[in-house]
Amino acid sequence: MGRKQDDALTAALCPECHYELGNGKHLSREQRRAEMDRAIVLTLQQLVRRGLVGGK
């Protein structure tokens, strides 16, 4: 059974990317994990820039 990640580790993905990272066969497990990590960082970056999280 999978473990639920912290809600703060969320990535904004289009449906195609969501499928590919979760179920796709074009990337290895390590590549999918690296892409998901990248997507999480980019999502958090945009949320901070828009003043929606973090900051003062």
C-alpha atoms as a PDB file:
ATOM      1  CA  MET A   1       0.000   0.000   0.000  1.00  0.00           C
ATOM      2  CA  GLY A   2       1.294   3.463  -0.893  1.00  0.00           C
ATOM      3  CA  ARG A   3       1.876   6.222   1.624  1.00  0.00           C
ATOM      4  CA  LYS A   4       0.286   9.625   1.190  1.00  0.00           C
ATOM      5  CA  GLN A   5       2.812  12.429   0.841  1.00  0.00           C
ATOM      6  CA  ASP A   6       2.530  15.715   2.678  1.00  0.00           C
ATOM      7  CA  ASP A   7       0.036  18.052   0.982  1.00  0.00           C
ATOM      8  CA  ALA A   8       2.792  20.681   0.726  1.00  0.00           C
ATOM      9  CA  LEU A   9       4.547  18.426  -1.800  1.00  0.00           C
ATOM     10  CA  THR A  10       2.017  18.999  -4.552  1.00  0.00           C
ATOM     11  CA  ALA A  11       2.720  19.614  -8.214  1.00  0.00           C
ATOM     12  CA  ALA A  12       0.458  21.371 -10.684  1.00  0.00           C
ATOM     13  CA  LEU A  13       0.339  18.986 -13.653  1.00  0.00           C
ATOM     14  CA  CYS A  14      -1.680  18.756 -16.831  1.00  0.00           C
ATOM     15  CA  PRO A  15      -3.640  15.482 -17.228  1.00  0.00           C
ATOM     16  CA  GLU A  16      -1.108  14.022 -19.668  1.00  0.00           C
ATOM     17  CA  CYS A  17       1.863  14.715 -17.372  1.00  0.00           C
ATOM     18  CA  HIS A  18      -0.072  13.400 -14.368  1.00  0.00           C
ATOM     19  CA  TYR A  19      -0.732  10.123 -16.184  1.00  0.00           C
ATOM     20  CA  GLU A  20       2.830   9.788 -17.456  1.00  0.00           C
ATOM     21  CA  LEU A  21       4.374  10.405 -14.022  1.00  0.00           C
ATOM     22  CA  GLY A  22       1.946   8.070 -12.288  1.00  0.00           C
ATOM     23  CA  ASN A  23       1.406   5.292 -14.797  1.00  0.00           C
ATOM     24  CA  GLY A  24       3.458   5.921 -17.902  1.00  0.00           C
ATOM     25  CA  LYS A  25       5.947   3.467 -19.329  1.00  0.00           C
ATOM     26  CA  HIS A  26       8.166   5.946 -21.239  1.00  0.00           C
ATOM     27  CA  LEU A  27      10.266   6.871 -18.195  1.00  0.00           C
ATOM     28  CA  SER A  28      12.064   4.748 -15.628  1.00  0.00           C
ATOM     29  CA  ARG A  29      11.000   4.941 -12.008  1.00  0.00           C
ATOM     30  CA  GLU A  30      14.025   7.132 -11.264  1.00  0.00           C
ATOM     31  CA  GLN A  31      13.200   9.465 -14.171  1.00  0.00           C
ATOM     32  CA  ARG A  32       9.559   9.751 -13.056  1.00  0.00           C
ATOM     33  CA  ARG A  33      10.697  10.596  -9.500  1.00  0.00           C
ATOM     34  CA  ALA A  34      13.131  13.230 -10.789  1.00  0.00           C
ATOM     35  CA  GLU A  35      10.439  14.817 -12.978  1.00  0.00           C
ATOM     36  CA  MET A  36       7.964  14.840 -10.093  1.00  0.00           C
ATOM     37  CA  ASP A  37      10.543  16.481  -7.822  1.00  0.00           C
ATOM     38  CA  ARG A  38      11.153  19.106 -10.505  1.00  0.00           C
ATOM     39  CA  ALA A  39       7.405  19.721 -10.891  1.00  0.00           C
ATOM     40  CA  ILE A  40       6.995  20.152  -7.123  1.00  0.00           C
ATOM     41  CA  VAL A  41       9.793  22.725  -7.007  1.00  0.00           C
ATOM     42  CA  LEU A  42       8.376  24.654  -9.977  1.00  0.00           C
ATOM     43  CA  THR A  43       4.885  24.630  -8.445  1.00  0.00           C
ATOM     44  CA  LEU A  44       6.172  25.941  -5.112  1.00  0.00           C
ATOM     45  CA  GLN A  45       8.219  28.576  -6.930  1.00  0.00           C
ATOM     46  CA  GLN A  46       5.112  29.909  -8.662  1.00  0.00           C
ATOM     47  CA  LEU A  47       3.045  29.856  -5.461  1.00  0.00           C
ATOM     48  CA  VAL A  48       5.701  31.885  -3.629  1.00  0.00           C
ATOM     49  CA  ARG A  49       6.097  34.351  -6.494  1.00  0.00           C
ATOM     50  CA  ARG A  50       2.350  34.934  -6.517  1.00  0.00           C
ATOM     51  CA  GLY A  51       2.335  35.486  -2.767  1.00  0.00           C
ATOM     52  CA  LEU A  52       0.091  32.505  -2.141  1.00  0.00           C
ATOM     53  CA  VAL A  53       2.478  30.747   0.277  1.00  0.00           C
ATOM     54  CA  GLY A  54       5.502  31.696   2.368  1.00  0.00           C
ATOM     55  CA  GLY A  55       6.939  35.145   2.529  1.00  0.00           C
ATOM     56  CA  LYS A  56       6.120  37.880   5.006  1.00  0.00           C
END
